[in-house]
Structures are given as structure tokens and as C-alpha cells.
Protein backbone atom coordinates (compact mmCIF):
# COMPACT_ATOMS: atom_id res chain seq x y z
CA MET A 1 57.92 -56.60 139.79
CA ARG A 2 59.27 -53.39 138.28
CA LYS A 3 58.00 -49.80 138.36
CA ILE A 4 55.74 -50.56 141.32
CA ASP A 5 53.00 -47.96 141.81
CA THR A 6 50.59 -48.85 144.60
CA ASP A 7 48.50 -45.72 143.94
CA LEU A 8 47.58 -47.00 140.47
CA HIS A 9 46.67 -50.38 141.91
CA ASP A 10 44.63 -48.73 144.66
CA PHE A 11 42.75 -46.80 141.96
CA LEU A 12 41.33 -50.12 140.74
CA ILE A 13 40.40 -51.26 144.24
CA LEU A 14 38.79 -47.95 145.20
CA ASN A 15 36.68 -47.97 142.03
CA GLY A 16 35.50 -51.52 142.69
CA ILE A 17 37.06 -53.07 139.58
CA LEU A 18 36.25 -56.77 139.84
CA ASN A 19 38.91 -59.47 139.94
CA THR A 20 41.82 -57.14 140.61
CA PRO A 21 44.78 -59.34 141.66
CA LEU A 22 47.11 -58.47 144.50
CA LEU A 23 50.23 -56.58 143.48
CA ASN A 24 52.62 -59.51 143.46
CA ASP A 25 54.41 -61.14 140.51
CA GLN A 26 53.41 -64.73 141.20
CA ILE A 27 49.86 -63.89 142.23
CA ILE A 28 49.37 -61.95 138.98
CA ARG A 29 50.88 -64.79 136.92
CA ASN A 30 48.54 -67.31 138.60
CA TRP A 31 45.59 -64.97 138.09
CA GLY A 32 46.44 -64.67 134.40
CA PHE A 33 46.38 -68.44 133.80
CA ASN A 34 42.58 -68.23 133.77
CA MET A 35 41.48 -65.90 130.97
CA ASN A 36 38.02 -65.65 132.53
CA ASN A 37 39.66 -63.74 135.38
CA VAL A 38 41.31 -61.39 132.92
CA TYR A 39 38.19 -60.75 130.83
CA GLU A 40 36.02 -60.17 133.91
CA HIS A 41 38.60 -57.66 135.11
CA TYR A 42 38.65 -55.87 131.73
CA ASN A 43 34.86 -55.76 131.41
CA SER A 44 34.47 -54.43 134.93
CA TYR A 45 37.02 -51.71 134.22
CA LEU A 46 35.46 -50.72 130.88
CA GLN A 47 32.00 -50.50 132.45
CA ILE A 48 33.09 -48.34 135.40
CA ILE A 49 35.99 -46.21 134.13
CA VAL A 50 34.83 -43.95 131.29
CA ALA A 51 36.70 -40.70 131.99
CA PRO A 52 39.45 -40.23 129.36
CA ASN A 53 43.13 -40.51 130.33
CA SER A 54 42.43 -42.72 133.33
CA PRO A 55 44.87 -45.33 134.64
CA GLY A 56 44.32 -48.76 133.13
CA PRO A 57 43.55 -52.22 134.52
CA ILE A 58 46.12 -54.95 135.09
CA GLU A 59 46.75 -56.16 131.53
CA LYS A 60 47.94 -59.57 130.41
CA HIS A 61 50.01 -59.68 127.24
CA PRO A 62 47.64 -60.87 124.50
CA TYR A 63 50.17 -62.67 122.29
CA ILE A 64 52.97 -64.29 124.30
CA GLU A 65 50.93 -67.42 125.07
CA LYS A 66 48.76 -67.29 121.95
CA TYR A 67 51.78 -67.32 119.64
CA GLN A 68 54.17 -69.21 121.89
CA ALA A 69 55.38 -71.29 118.92
CA ASP A 70 56.77 -68.12 117.33
CA CYS A 71 59.20 -67.71 120.24
CA ASN A 72 61.35 -70.69 119.34
CA PHE A 73 64.72 -70.76 121.05
CA HIS A 74 66.05 -73.08 118.35
CA ARG A 75 66.03 -70.27 115.79
CA GLN A 76 69.01 -67.93 115.44
CA THR A 77 67.50 -64.49 116.08
CA LEU A 78 65.05 -63.04 118.61
CA LEU A 79 63.08 -59.84 118.03
CA LEU A 80 62.00 -58.21 121.30
CA GLY A 81 59.55 -55.43 122.07
CA THR A 82 57.80 -54.26 125.25
CA PHE A 83 53.99 -54.62 125.28
CA PRO A 84 51.21 -53.75 122.79
CA PRO A 85 49.29 -50.45 122.90
CA SER A 86 45.76 -50.64 124.29
CA SER A 87 44.28 -50.77 120.77
CA TYR A 88 44.61 -54.58 120.97
CA PHE A 89 41.54 -54.52 123.26
CA ASN A 90 39.45 -54.07 120.13
CA ASN A 91 40.44 -57.60 119.09
CA LEU A 92 39.44 -59.24 122.40
CA PRO A 93 36.14 -60.99 123.22
CA ILE A 94 35.07 -58.36 125.77
CA ASN A 95 32.11 -56.03 126.21
CA ASN A 96 31.71 -52.31 126.89
CA LEU A 97 33.66 -51.08 123.90
CA PRO A 98 34.27 -48.48 122.62
CA ASN A 99 35.74 -46.77 125.65
CA HIS A 100 37.62 -43.45 125.81
CA ASN A 101 40.54 -45.20 127.48
CA VAL A 102 41.11 -47.66 124.63
CA GLN A 103 42.78 -46.52 121.43
CA ASN A 104 40.15 -46.65 118.72
CA ASN A 105 41.54 -48.82 115.93
CA ASN A 106 41.84 -52.49 115.06
CA PRO A 107 45.49 -53.41 114.75
CA THR A 108 46.87 -56.64 113.36
CA ASN A 109 46.19 -59.14 116.13
CA TYR A 110 49.88 -59.94 116.59
CA PHE A 111 53.13 -58.55 117.99
CA TYR A 112 53.81 -55.02 116.70
CA GLY A 113 50.21 -55.04 115.48
CA ASN A 114 50.05 -51.25 115.38
CA MET A 115 53.36 -50.96 113.52
CA ASN A 116 52.94 -52.51 110.06
CA SER A 117 55.91 -50.49 108.82
CA LEU A 118 58.18 -52.86 110.75
CA TRP A 119 57.25 -55.71 108.42
CA TYR A 120 58.07 -53.58 105.40
CA TYR A 121 61.49 -52.64 106.74
CA LEU A 122 62.26 -56.18 107.82
CA PHE A 123 60.67 -58.31 105.10
CA GLY A 124 59.41 -55.96 102.40
CA ILE A 125 55.75 -56.71 103.24
CA ASN A 126 53.65 -53.72 102.21
CA ASP A 127 50.91 -52.44 104.48
CA ASP A 128 48.06 -53.92 102.44
CA GLU A 129 49.82 -57.31 102.38
CA VAL A 130 50.31 -57.62 106.14
CA THR A 131 48.67 -60.74 107.54
CA ILE A 132 49.61 -62.89 110.50
CA PRO A 133 50.47 -65.91 108.28
CA ALA A 134 52.65 -63.68 106.05
CA ILE A 135 54.52 -62.37 109.10
CA GLN A 136 54.93 -65.83 110.60
CA GLU A 137 56.19 -67.29 107.34
CA SER A 138 58.75 -64.51 106.95
CA LEU A 139 59.91 -64.91 110.55
CA PHE A 140 60.32 -68.65 110.05
CA GLU A 141 62.17 -68.29 106.73
CA ASN A 142 64.61 -65.85 108.30
CA GLY A 143 65.14 -67.84 111.51
CA ILE A 144 63.61 -65.12 113.68
CA SER A 145 61.65 -65.67 116.90
CA ILE A 146 59.50 -62.92 118.40
CA SER A 147 58.32 -61.99 121.88
CA ASP A 148 58.05 -59.09 124.34
CA VAL A 149 59.82 -58.43 127.62
CA PHE A 150 56.71 -57.71 129.74
CA THR A 151 53.92 -60.22 130.43
CA PHE A 152 51.68 -58.00 132.61
CA VAL A 153 51.52 -54.23 132.98
CA GLN A 154 49.30 -51.46 134.30
CA ARG A 155 49.34 -48.13 132.47
CA ASN A 156 49.48 -44.75 134.14
CA ILE A 157 47.35 -43.51 131.21
CA MET A 158 45.65 -46.38 129.45
CA ASN A 159 45.17 -44.80 126.02
CA SER A 160 48.83 -43.79 125.74
CA ALA A 161 51.12 -45.90 123.56
CA PHE A 162 54.30 -44.74 125.29
CA ASP A 163 56.45 -47.26 127.17
CA SER A 164 56.97 -44.60 129.84
CA GLU A 165 53.36 -45.13 131.00
CA TYR A 166 53.93 -48.76 132.09
CA ARG A 167 53.80 -49.46 135.83
CA ASN A 168 53.47 -52.60 137.97
CA ILE A 169 55.40 -54.59 135.39
CA VAL A 170 55.74 -58.37 135.51
CA LEU A 171 58.69 -59.56 133.44
CA ASN A 172 58.66 -62.32 130.83
CA CYS A 173 61.13 -64.54 132.67
CA ASP A 174 60.75 -67.34 130.11
CA LEU A 175 63.20 -65.34 127.99
CA LYS A 176 66.01 -66.48 130.25
CA ASN A 177 65.92 -69.69 128.20
CA ILE A 178 67.96 -67.99 125.48
CA PHE A 179 70.98 -68.61 127.71
CA ASN A 180 70.34 -72.35 128.04
CA PRO A 181 72.97 -74.56 126.35
CA GLU A 182 70.41 -75.99 123.92
CA SER A 183 69.26 -72.52 122.75
CA THR A 184 70.59 -71.51 119.32
CA ILE A 185 69.63 -67.84 119.66
CA ASN A 186 72.77 -65.86 118.83
CA THR A 187 71.28 -62.43 117.99
CA ILE A 188 68.69 -60.21 119.69
CA LEU A 189 67.05 -57.34 117.79
CA PHE A 190 65.57 -54.27 119.48
CA THR A 191 63.75 -51.52 117.60
CA SER A 192 64.50 -48.82 120.16
CA GLY A 193 67.18 -47.89 122.67
CA ASN A 194 70.95 -48.21 122.49
CA LEU A 195 73.91 -49.31 124.56
CA SER A 196 74.42 -45.86 126.08
CA GLY A 197 71.04 -46.16 127.84
CA PHE A 198 71.39 -49.76 128.94
CA LEU A 199 71.83 -48.90 132.62
CA ASN A 200 69.09 -46.29 132.90
CA ASN A 201 65.58 -47.10 134.12
CA ASN A 202 63.58 -45.36 131.41
CA THR A 203 61.10 -48.05 130.46
CA SER A 204 61.95 -49.66 127.11
CA ALA A 205 62.43 -53.11 125.62
CA LEU A 206 66.18 -52.84 126.16
CA THR A 207 65.84 -51.74 129.78
CA GLY A 208 63.25 -54.47 130.32
CA PHE A 209 65.76 -56.97 128.97
CA ARG A 210 68.33 -55.73 131.49
CA TRP A 211 65.75 -56.15 134.25
CA LEU A 212 65.34 -59.74 133.06
CA LEU A 213 69.06 -60.33 133.46
CA GLU A 214 68.90 -58.85 136.96
CA ASP A 215 65.71 -60.53 138.22
CA CYS A 216 65.29 -63.75 136.20
CA CYS A 217 68.89 -64.78 135.51
CA ASP A 218 71.85 -64.68 137.85
CA GLY A 219 72.20 -60.89 137.99
CA LEU A 220 74.37 -58.53 135.97
CA ASN A 221 77.58 -59.72 137.64
CA SER A 222 77.31 -62.95 135.65
CA PHE A 223 77.36 -61.07 132.33
CA SER A 224 79.85 -58.91 130.47
CA ILE A 225 79.60 -56.67 127.40
CA SER A 226 81.69 -55.66 124.41
CA GLY A 227 81.16 -53.01 121.77
CA ASP A 228 83.58 -54.65 119.33
CA ILE A 229 81.43 -55.46 116.29
CA SER A 230 83.19 -58.81 115.76
CA GLY A 231 82.42 -60.03 119.26
CA GLN A 232 86.09 -60.94 119.64
CA GLY A 233 87.21 -57.82 121.50
CA ILE A 234 87.64 -57.15 125.21
CA TYR A 235 84.56 -57.74 127.41
CA TYR A 236 83.77 -55.48 130.35
CA PRO A 237 81.62 -55.79 133.49
CA ILE A 238 78.14 -54.29 133.16
CA ASN A 239 78.59 -51.11 135.14
CA THR A 240 79.00 -47.43 134.26
CA LEU A 241 82.69 -47.74 133.38
CA GLY A 242 82.13 -50.97 131.47
CA VAL A 243 79.40 -49.38 129.34
CA GLN A 244 81.64 -46.37 128.67
CA ASN A 245 84.45 -48.65 127.48
CA ALA A 246 82.07 -50.66 125.30
CA LEU A 247 80.74 -47.43 123.76
CA ILE A 248 84.30 -46.44 122.82
CA GLN A 249 84.66 -49.81 121.10
CA GLN A 250 81.29 -49.40 119.40
CA ASN A 251 82.18 -45.99 117.90
CA ASN A 252 78.57 -44.89 117.30
CA GLY A 253 77.59 -48.28 115.91
CA ILE A 254 74.40 -50.23 116.58
CA VAL A 255 75.94 -53.64 117.37
CA TRP A 256 77.28 -54.87 120.69
CA TRP A 257 77.67 -58.17 122.51
CA LEU A 258 76.52 -59.80 125.74
CA LYS A 259 78.48 -62.71 127.20
CA LEU A 260 77.57 -65.32 129.82
CA GLY A 261 80.31 -67.87 130.36
CA SER A 262 81.31 -69.01 126.89
CA LYS A 263 77.96 -68.05 125.32
CA LYS A 264 77.89 -64.80 123.33
CA ILE A 265 74.76 -63.01 122.11
CA LYS A 266 74.92 -60.24 119.52
CA ILE A 267 72.66 -57.26 120.33
CA ILE A 268 71.51 -55.00 117.49
CA ASN A 269 69.64 -51.75 118.14
CA LEU A 270 67.72 -51.23 114.91
CA PRO A 271 66.46 -47.76 113.95
CA SER A 272 62.90 -47.38 115.15
CA PRO A 273 60.14 -48.20 112.63
CA ALA A 274 57.91 -45.51 114.16
CA PRO A 275 57.13 -42.57 111.84
CA THR A 276 57.73 -40.14 114.71
CA ALA A 277 61.38 -41.27 114.92
CA ALA A 278 62.29 -39.99 111.44
CA ARG A 279 63.21 -36.40 112.34
CA GLN A 280 65.66 -37.40 115.07
CA MET A 281 67.07 -40.22 112.91
CA ILE A 282 68.59 -37.91 110.29
CA GLY A 283 70.79 -36.29 112.92
CA SER A 284 72.04 -39.56 114.39
CA ALA A 285 75.68 -40.59 114.13
CA PHE A 286 74.82 -43.95 112.58
CA PHE A 287 72.66 -42.32 109.88
CA LYS A 288 75.73 -40.27 108.90
CA ARG A 289 77.83 -43.45 108.87
CA TRP A 290 75.28 -44.97 106.50
CA ILE A 291 75.50 -41.92 104.23
CA ASN A 292 79.27 -42.25 103.97
CA TYR A 293 79.02 -46.00 103.41
CA LYS A 294 76.65 -45.31 100.51
CA ALA A 295 78.98 -42.61 99.20
CA VAL A 296 82.04 -44.88 99.21
CA THR A 297 80.23 -47.82 97.59
CA ASN A 298 78.89 -45.50 94.85
CA ASP A 299 82.17 -43.61 94.21
CA LEU A 300 80.80 -40.38 95.62
CA PRO A 301 82.67 -37.84 97.75
CA PRO A 302 81.99 -38.44 101.45
CA MET A 303 79.85 -35.98 103.34
CA PRO A 304 82.11 -33.22 104.74
CA ILE A 305 82.28 -32.90 108.51
CA GLY A 306 79.70 -30.38 109.68
CA ALA A 307 77.85 -30.39 106.36
CA ASN A 308 74.07 -30.02 106.22
CA VAL A 309 72.79 -33.60 105.90
CA LYS A 310 69.73 -32.85 103.78
CA GLN A 311 71.65 -30.61 101.40
CA TYR A 312 74.22 -33.35 100.86
CA LEU A 313 71.51 -35.95 100.21
CA LEU A 314 69.82 -33.68 97.65
CA GLN A 315 73.01 -33.60 95.55
CA PHE A 316 72.72 -37.31 94.72
CA PRO A 317 69.03 -38.14 94.13
CA GLN A 318 69.93 -41.29 92.21
CA ILE A 319 71.57 -42.72 95.37
CA PHE A 320 69.66 -41.12 98.23
CA ILE A 321 65.96 -41.43 97.42
CA ALA A 322 63.39 -39.56 99.47
CA PRO A 323 61.93 -40.24 101.95
CA TYR A 324 65.46 -40.79 103.20
CA THR A 325 64.67 -42.38 106.54
CA THR A 326 62.41 -44.95 104.88
CA ASN A 327 65.24 -46.08 102.60
CA TYR A 328 67.72 -45.94 105.46
CA ARG A 329 65.62 -48.21 107.66
CA ARG A 330 64.85 -50.64 104.86
CA GLU A 331 68.57 -50.96 103.99
CA ILE A 332 69.76 -51.25 107.58
CA TYR A 333 67.18 -53.94 108.37
CA GLN A 334 68.21 -55.85 105.24
CA MET A 335 71.90 -55.61 106.09
CA VAL A 336 71.13 -57.01 109.53
CA LEU A 337 69.27 -59.96 108.00
CA ASN A 338 72.07 -60.49 105.47
CA ASN A 339 74.74 -60.23 108.17
CA THR A 340 76.50 -57.37 106.37
CA ILE A 341 75.87 -54.59 108.92
CA HIS A 342 79.57 -54.70 109.83
CA LEU A 343 80.33 -53.00 106.47
CA ILE A 344 79.02 -49.67 107.76
């Protein structure tokens, strides 16, 4: 279990929330096998806890088992997130809703259900065209599996969508199967985080994946990393110095590699699909690399060092079409699917 917070767990006990499991990975997994346990727990919480911004119950991931077939280790690519926001409660067969601690909307009842923009960037599916079958068909056609790194969580503030609120986390250890000899997964996609933060403990999909390597596999000492985009460069131990060396190889890129024995997995940190990420995105080093890639391929002068990014983009409206970060994300996601991201 990661991010253990006994005070949050005690909050449930002290408020008499029914069917609260003991704070232990295996006990929680066993508890979650029976959905009646989970729904009784949720209903008890929703009936008793009505004050806004309260800690949440112990939550079971709503989609990992339901859409288990969409996490197929015989595909080539795996898309990984963390855990859905609490808005998914509105799609569950439970009582006592609405509740101030549950986000008040009805997302797509699937992974990334509150983030329809992801499916536009990845597959060109517009918001009004997003359906679960459309997503599943596009995933299948592109050889992409999907899952999340956490199977159970408790939130410090239930109605918050931030990963930083997750506590008492039980990891999705089934993901260790990507390293089995029969697995054909050769690429993992993350929509947040980057190599420079791989060793920190700020809760994210990428950090959760590292916790999986530590707790569910053979530990970090069994793995090595490289920032060489080809995957053929030098590999380093996963420690502070190793990450620093890999970052030098990476040179502000978004691709790096993880190696276990002879098996290599390409890691790609996609730009976030979240609207709130746009402002920070324009100042990123990789966004500037994309600008210069577009300039070169369109016979334009490269952006001068230290130039104002937005002013440069405005000079070439036929190439850089506003909103810029929307076009940037769409193109980067497409280049990843087309295996041409190395051109940037």
C-alpha cells in the first residue's frame, strides 16, 4: 500500500461507515471481489457524510475489471492513467445521490471518462461522437490497451479530481504482466509526468508505475533506463545519477526506455489533454522543439533563441493555427501513433 494515511481511514470508522475494510492491500482486494461490499460501503458513506470537502470512502476502480478485455497484453501499446474522478459515482447503481462530495456530472462510463478531449487528440473523435464502442474500436485498430495504475484509493478530499488527493493506494499489480515473455507490449503512454520526476513521490500515473516496479516486480535494481530515443543507447541504473544521465540523452524529449533483461519498453510522456495544461505547455522545451520542426518542414525560419513564442506563431497563421496547444497535442499524438515522433 502506498500513501498510507491512517487518519483518513479512522475517519470512516469513527463516522460508522459500514463495511469499511481494514487498511491492508490483500484485505482490501478480497473485500473488493464482492461488489455488494463496495456498494454498501458507498451508500453508507453517502448517507452519513454530507459536509462538502470531506475525505472519501475506500473506492474500487470502476473499470479495470469491467473492461478487462481492453487491457490486452498481446497488443503493442499500453495507455496508463491513475484513477477516475469521483464523478463516476453518478454512473453506479447506488443510492443517496446527489451528494456534495461527488462531482456533479455524468462522464463517459469508461477510462478517462471526464476527459473526452483525449479521444480527439488520439483518434480524432469529436466530443459529440464519443461513445464507449467508438473508443474501444479505435483502441483495437491502433493496437492500444488501456488501464490505470491504482485499483483502490481513498481521497483526502473526495470531490477533488487531483491525483495529489489519493491516499491508501492499492496498486494494480496485474500490470507486471507486461514484462512476461509472451507480452507484446513494447510502448507505454502516459498523459502526464516526465522522466525528470520519475523518482519523486508526487502521486501520478508515472510515479504509480514506478511503485509497481518496486512493489509488484523485482524492484528497481532489476531495471535500467535510457533517454536515447532509438532505445539503442547506454542504459543506466534507476537512481538519481542514472536519471540525470538519461535526461542528458533525452535532450528535452518525451521518449525514454525501460529495460528488464533483454526486454525493452518505450515510454512516451504525451502532453496532457487537460485544458488547464495549455498555458504551461506553450513554455515547455518540447513545444519549442515542435515549433522548429514545423518551421523546418515548411521552409520557415526557425524561432530565434529567446523569442516570444506567441509572437513567432502569429507570424505564420497558415502553419500555426490557433488554438496552438490543441493543434500541438493533436499532431504529437498522431506522430506517436504513426511512430514518427523521433523526427522532432
